[in-house]
Amino acid sequence: MNHELQNFIQDYVTLLQEKYHQSLIKTEKSQTEADAAFYQGTSFTYYDALDILKSQLEAFGYEIENFATIVPELDKAKKLQEYVKSNE
């Protein structure tokens, strides 16, 4: 993989991860069940996009070890949600 493509993918992953974490925070801060459901769906979408990207990189033979963690660990996401709750 050329260096430019690797940088693009890493930046893309970082942006998706930031949006994923923002959606987790918004889920916890939601005032209504409808808002919480919306942001939970948003969180799932970002998580799924990251998982698909990782799967495609592996399927095309790219070494994913060249990247930081692509798909967030669910335990860490849960800890982030607990952290947000404790700081409200």
C-alpha atoms as a PDB file:
ATOM      1  CA  MET A   1       0.000   0.000   0.000  1.00  0.00           C
ATOM      2  CA  ASN A   2       1.421   3.366  -0.899  1.00  0.00           C
ATOM      3  CA  HIS A   3       2.035   5.921   1.827  1.00  0.00           C
ATOM      4  CA  GLU A   4      -0.624   8.371   0.597  1.00  0.00           C
ATOM      5  CA  LEU A   5      -3.359   5.712   0.637  1.00  0.00           C
ATOM      6  CA  GLN A   6      -2.308   4.532   4.083  1.00  0.00           C
ATOM      7  CA  ASN A   7      -2.507   8.106   5.421  1.00  0.00           C
ATOM      8  CA  PHE A   8      -5.924   8.591   3.828  1.00  0.00           C
ATOM      9  CA  ILE A   9      -7.293   5.409   5.393  1.00  0.00           C
ATOM     10  CA  GLN A  10      -5.847   6.257   8.811  1.00  0.00           C
ATOM     11  CA  ASP A  11      -7.366   9.754   8.692  1.00  0.00           C
ATOM     12  CA  TYR A  12     -10.709   8.318   7.572  1.00  0.00           C
ATOM     13  CA  VAL A  13     -10.662   5.803  10.434  1.00  0.00           C
ATOM     14  CA  THR A  14      -9.824   8.556  12.926  1.00  0.00           C
ATOM     15  CA  LEU A  15     -12.712  10.725  11.712  1.00  0.00           C
ATOM     16  CA  LEU A  16     -15.193   7.830  11.878  1.00  0.00           C
ATOM     17  CA  GLN A  17     -13.990   6.919  15.370  1.00  0.00           C
ATOM     18  CA  GLU A  18     -14.448  10.509  16.547  1.00  0.00           C
ATOM     19  CA  LYS A  19     -17.989  10.554  15.188  1.00  0.00           C
ATOM     20  CA  TYR A  20     -18.648   7.176  16.829  1.00  0.00           C
ATOM     21  CA  HIS A  21     -17.502   8.451  20.229  1.00  0.00           C
ATOM     22  CA  GLN A  22     -19.510  11.669  19.826  1.00  0.00           C
ATOM     23  CA  SER A  23     -22.629   9.625  19.119  1.00  0.00           C
ATOM     24  CA  LEU A  24     -22.023   7.572  22.289  1.00  0.00           C
ATOM     25  CA  ILE A  25     -21.826  10.774  24.307  1.00  0.00           C
ATOM     26  CA  LYS A  26     -24.989  12.132  22.688  1.00  0.00           C
ATOM     27  CA  THR A  27     -26.783   8.861  23.474  1.00  0.00           C
ATOM     28  CA  GLU A  28     -25.962   9.272  27.149  1.00  0.00           C
ATOM     29  CA  LYS A  29     -26.983  12.930  27.199  1.00  0.00           C
ATOM     30  CA  SER A  30     -30.258  12.394  25.317  1.00  0.00           C
ATOM     31  CA  GLN A  31     -33.307  13.913  26.961  1.00  0.00           C
ATOM     32  CA  THR A  32     -35.885  11.650  25.324  1.00  0.00           C
ATOM     33  CA  GLU A  33     -36.093   7.974  24.429  1.00  0.00           C
ATOM     34  CA  ALA A  34     -36.491   8.927  20.773  1.00  0.00           C
ATOM     35  CA  ASP A  35     -33.250  10.908  20.833  1.00  0.00           C
ATOM     36  CA  ALA A  36     -31.450   8.063  22.609  1.00  0.00           C
ATOM     37  CA  ALA A  37     -32.718   5.568  20.021  1.00  0.00           C
ATOM     38  CA  PHE A  38     -31.572   7.843  17.195  1.00  0.00           C
ATOM     39  CA  TYR A  39     -28.064   8.219  18.617  1.00  0.00           C
ATOM     40  CA  GLN A  40     -27.826   4.496  19.389  1.00  0.00           C
ATOM     41  CA  GLY A  41     -28.590   3.879  15.718  1.00  0.00           C
ATOM     42  CA  THR A  42     -25.979   6.445  14.763  1.00  0.00           C
ATOM     43  CA  SER A  43     -23.423   4.723  17.005  1.00  0.00           C
ATOM     44  CA  PHE A  44     -24.193   1.372  15.401  1.00  0.00           C
ATOM     45  CA  THR A  45     -23.790   2.865  11.930  1.00  0.00           C
ATOM     46  CA  TYR A  46     -20.336   4.292  12.667  1.00  0.00           C
ATOM     47  CA  TYR A  47     -19.254   1.063  14.363  1.00  0.00           C
ATOM     48  CA  ASP A  48     -20.510  -0.960  11.392  1.00  0.00           C
ATOM     49  CA  ALA A  49     -18.714   1.320   8.909  1.00  0.00           C
ATOM     50  CA  LEU A  50     -15.440   0.807  10.790  1.00  0.00           C
ATOM     51  CA  ASP A  51     -15.995  -2.955  10.924  1.00  0.00           C
ATOM     52  CA  ILE A  52     -16.720  -3.098   7.176  1.00  0.00           C
ATOM     53  CA  LEU A  53     -13.616  -1.043   6.402  1.00  0.00           C
ATOM     54  CA  LYS A  54     -11.469  -3.403   8.484  1.00  0.00           C
ATOM     55  CA  SER A  55     -13.006  -6.449   6.785  1.00  0.00           C
ATOM     56  CA  GLN A  56     -12.395  -5.002   3.324  1.00  0.00           C
ATOM     57  CA  LEU A  57      -8.778  -4.167   4.115  1.00  0.00           C
ATOM     58  CA  GLU A  58      -8.260  -7.759   5.271  1.00  0.00           C
ATOM     59  CA  ALA A  59     -10.119  -9.198   2.259  1.00  0.00           C
ATOM     60  CA  PHE A  60      -7.900  -7.264  -0.146  1.00  0.00           C
ATOM     61  CA  GLY A  61      -4.767  -8.461   1.620  1.00  0.00           C
ATOM     62  CA  TYR A  62      -3.723  -5.243   3.324  1.00  0.00           C
ATOM     63  CA  GLU A  63      -1.860  -5.570   6.595  1.00  0.00           C
ATOM     64  CA  ILE A  64      -4.140  -3.973   9.160  1.00  0.00           C
ATOM     65  CA  GLU A  65      -1.283  -4.024  11.659  1.00  0.00           C
ATOM     66  CA  ASN A  66      -0.031  -0.917   9.829  1.00  0.00           C
ATOM     67  CA  PHE A  67      -2.986   0.977  11.284  1.00  0.00           C
ATOM     68  CA  ALA A  68      -3.997   1.889  14.790  1.00  0.00           C
ATOM     69  CA  THR A  69      -7.020   0.003  16.093  1.00  0.00           C
ATOM     70  CA  ILE A  70      -9.737   0.356  13.471  1.00  0.00           C
ATOM     71  CA  VAL A  71     -12.791  -1.065  15.221  1.00  0.00           C
ATOM     72  CA  PRO A  72     -13.307   0.243  18.775  1.00  0.00           C
ATOM     73  CA  GLU A  73     -13.492  -2.382  21.482  1.00  0.00           C
ATOM     74  CA  LEU A  74     -17.015  -2.544  22.857  1.00  0.00           C
ATOM     75  CA  ASP A  75     -15.777  -2.648  26.458  1.00  0.00           C
ATOM     76  CA  LYS A  76     -14.009   0.667  25.917  1.00  0.00           C
ATOM     77  CA  ALA A  77     -17.176   2.156  24.436  1.00  0.00           C
ATOM     78  CA  LYS A  78     -19.109   1.048  27.502  1.00  0.00           C
ATOM     79  CA  LYS A  79     -16.461   2.620  29.766  1.00  0.00           C
ATOM     80  CA  LEU A  80     -16.768   5.861  27.805  1.00  0.00           C
ATOM     81  CA  GLN A  81     -20.531   5.840  28.358  1.00  0.00           C
ATOM     82  CA  GLU A  82     -20.009   5.278  32.091  1.00  0.00           C
ATOM     83  CA  TYR A  83     -17.463   8.103  32.195  1.00  0.00           C
ATOM     84  CA  VAL A  84     -19.909  10.483  30.514  1.00  0.00           C
ATOM     85  CA  LYS A  85     -22.648   9.537  32.986  1.00  0.00           C
ATOM     86  CA  SER A  86     -20.366  10.114  35.966  1.00  0.00           C
ATOM     87  CA  ASN A  87     -19.370  13.591  34.750  1.00  0.00           C
ATOM     88  CA  GLU A  88     -22.868  14.965  34.214  1.00  0.00           C
END
